[in-house]
C-alpha atoms as a PDB file:
ATOM      1  CA  MET A   1     165.328 161.713 119.436  1.00  0.00           C
ATOM      2  CA  ALA A   2     164.107 165.309 119.701  1.00  0.00           C
ATOM      3  CA  LYS A   3     165.877 168.008 117.736  1.00  0.00           C
ATOM      4  CA  THR A   4     167.617 170.673 119.693  1.00  0.00           C
ATOM      5  CA  ILE A   5     166.903 174.313 118.967  1.00  0.00           C
ATOM      6  CA  LYS A   6     170.469 174.650 117.689  1.00  0.00           C
ATOM      7  CA  THR A   7     169.951 171.782 115.230  1.00  0.00           C
ATOM      8  CA  ALA A   8     166.640 173.171 114.010  1.00  0.00           C
ATOM      9  CA  VAL A   9     168.184 176.608 113.424  1.00  0.00           C
ATOM     10  CA  ALA A  10     171.129 175.037 111.573  1.00  0.00           C
ATOM     11  CA  GLU A  11     168.778 173.035 109.334  1.00  0.00           C
ATOM     12  CA  GLU A  12     166.811 176.168 108.443  1.00  0.00           C
ATOM     13  CA  ALA A  13     170.059 177.992 107.618  1.00  0.00           C
ATOM     14  CA  GLU A  14     171.127 175.103 105.372  1.00  0.00           C
ATOM     15  CA  LYS A  15     167.911 175.429 103.358  1.00  0.00           C
ATOM     16  CA  SER A  16     168.830 178.989 102.391  1.00  0.00           C
ATOM     17  CA  LEU A  17     172.253 178.020 101.009  1.00  0.00           C
ATOM     18  CA  SER A  18     172.906 178.039  97.284  1.00  0.00           C
ATOM     19  CA  ILE A  19     174.250 174.914  95.625  1.00  0.00           C
ATOM     20  CA  GLU A  20     177.731 176.441  95.568  1.00  0.00           C
ATOM     21  CA  GLU A  21     177.528 177.391  99.252  1.00  0.00           C
ATOM     22  CA  SER A  22     176.415 173.850 100.101  1.00  0.00           C
ATOM     23  CA  PHE A  23     179.449 172.393  98.331  1.00  0.00           C
ATOM     24  CA  ALA A  24     181.766 174.884 100.051  1.00  0.00           C
ATOM     25  CA  ARG A  25     180.351 173.878 103.447  1.00  0.00           C
ATOM     26  CA  LEU A  26     180.759 170.200 102.517  1.00  0.00           C
ATOM     27  CA  ASP A  27     184.443 170.882 101.827  1.00  0.00           C
ATOM     28  CA  GLU A  28     184.767 172.450 105.283  1.00  0.00           C
ATOM     29  CA  ILE A  29     183.047 169.447 106.857  1.00  0.00           C
ATOM     30  CA  LEU A  30     185.386 167.024 105.095  1.00  0.00           C
ATOM     31  CA  GLU A  31     188.423 168.925 106.341  1.00  0.00           C
ATOM     32  CA  LYS A  32     187.116 168.842 109.908  1.00  0.00           C
ATOM     33  CA  MET A  33     186.291 165.148 109.719  1.00  0.00           C
ATOM     34  CA  GLU A  34     189.770 164.353 108.421  1.00  0.00           C
ATOM     35  CA  ASP A  35     191.319 166.259 111.348  1.00  0.00           C
ATOM     36  CA  GLU A  36     192.535 163.822 113.987  1.00  0.00           C
ATOM     37  CA  GLU A  37     191.501 166.325 116.676  1.00  0.00           C
ATOM     38  CA  THR A  38     187.812 165.942 115.779  1.00  0.00           C
ATOM     39  CA  GLY A  39     186.079 163.648 118.231  1.00  0.00           C
ATOM     40  CA  LEU A  40     183.588 160.920 117.465  1.00  0.00           C
ATOM     41  CA  GLU A  41     180.522 162.912 118.517  1.00  0.00           C
ATOM     42  CA  ASP A  42     181.598 165.926 116.469  1.00  0.00           C
ATOM     43  CA  SER A  43     182.326 163.661 113.497  1.00  0.00           C
ATOM     44  CA  PHE A  44     178.842 162.173 113.727  1.00  0.00           C
ATOM     45  CA  ARG A  45     177.259 165.640 113.929  1.00  0.00           C
ATOM     46  CA  LEU A  46     179.296 166.755 110.910  1.00  0.00           C
ATOM     47  CA  TYR A  47     178.306 163.594 109.037  1.00  0.00           C
ATOM     48  CA  GLU A  48     174.622 164.326 109.650  1.00  0.00           C
ATOM     49  CA  GLU A  49     175.057 167.918 108.507  1.00  0.00           C
ATOM     50  CA  GLY A  50     176.874 166.704 105.415  1.00  0.00           C
ATOM     51  CA  LEU A  51     174.027 164.364 104.511  1.00  0.00           C
ATOM     52  CA  ARG A  52     171.514 167.202 104.846  1.00  0.00           C
ATOM     53  CA  LEU A  53     173.675 169.433 102.662  1.00  0.00           C
ATOM     54  CA  ILE A  54     174.016 166.723 100.009  1.00  0.00           C
ATOM     55  CA  ARG A  55     170.234 166.278  99.915  1.00  0.00           C
ATOM     56  CA  HIS A  56     169.769 170.044  99.701  1.00  0.00           C
ATOM     57  CA  ALA A  57     172.293 170.357  96.855  1.00  0.00           C
ATOM     58  CA  GLU A  58     170.732 167.410  94.987  1.00  0.00           C
ATOM     59  CA  SER A  59     167.325 169.031  95.284  1.00  0.00           C
ATOM     60  CA  GLY A  60     168.685 172.301  93.925  1.00  0.00           C
ATOM     61  CA  ILE A  61     170.392 170.527  91.033  1.00  0.00           C
ATOM     62  CA  ASP A  62     167.157 168.648  90.232  1.00  0.00           C
ATOM     63  CA  LYS A  63     165.258 171.952  90.084  1.00  0.00           C
ATOM     64  CA  VAL A  64     167.839 173.464  87.740  1.00  0.00           C
ATOM     65  CA  GLU A  65     167.741 170.374  85.494  1.00  0.00           C
ATOM     66  CA  LYS A  66     163.922 170.581  85.273  1.00  0.00           C
ATOM     67  CA  LYS A  67     164.114 174.257  84.322  1.00  0.00           C
ATOM     68  CA  ILE A  68     166.683 173.468  81.624  1.00  0.00           C
ATOM     69  CA  ARG A  69     164.474 170.711  80.213  1.00  0.00           C
ATOM     70  CA  ILE A  70     161.496 173.080  80.109  1.00  0.00           C
ATOM     71  CA  LEU A  71     163.562 175.748  78.362  1.00  0.00           C
ATOM     72  CA  ASN A  72     164.916 173.225  75.859  1.00  0.00           C
ATOM     73  CA  GLU A  73     161.430 171.909  75.114  1.00  0.00           C
ATOM     74  CA  GLY A  74     160.274 175.490  74.486  1.00  0.00           C
ATOM     75  CA  GLU A  75     163.066 176.034  71.968  1.00  0.00           C
ATOM     76  CA  GLU A  76     162.236 172.833  70.088  1.00  0.00           C
ATOM     77  CA  SER A  77     158.639 173.893  69.483  1.00  0.00           C
END
């Protein structure tokens, strides 16, 4: 399925979020998904966005962990 321009723009915006901003957006998504007024299609779109945000946050956390390991190795020398 081809990405829409709106989806592509949203994905690019997600990449610029900090880890904290990603978690804040995930909280917003959870609230919307728990709302009984949210339809199935919107829930699916929010679910997809949430997965992308989780991957983005995990990647950011991995980078921070690698930097910490490098710094710790430098102190041990």
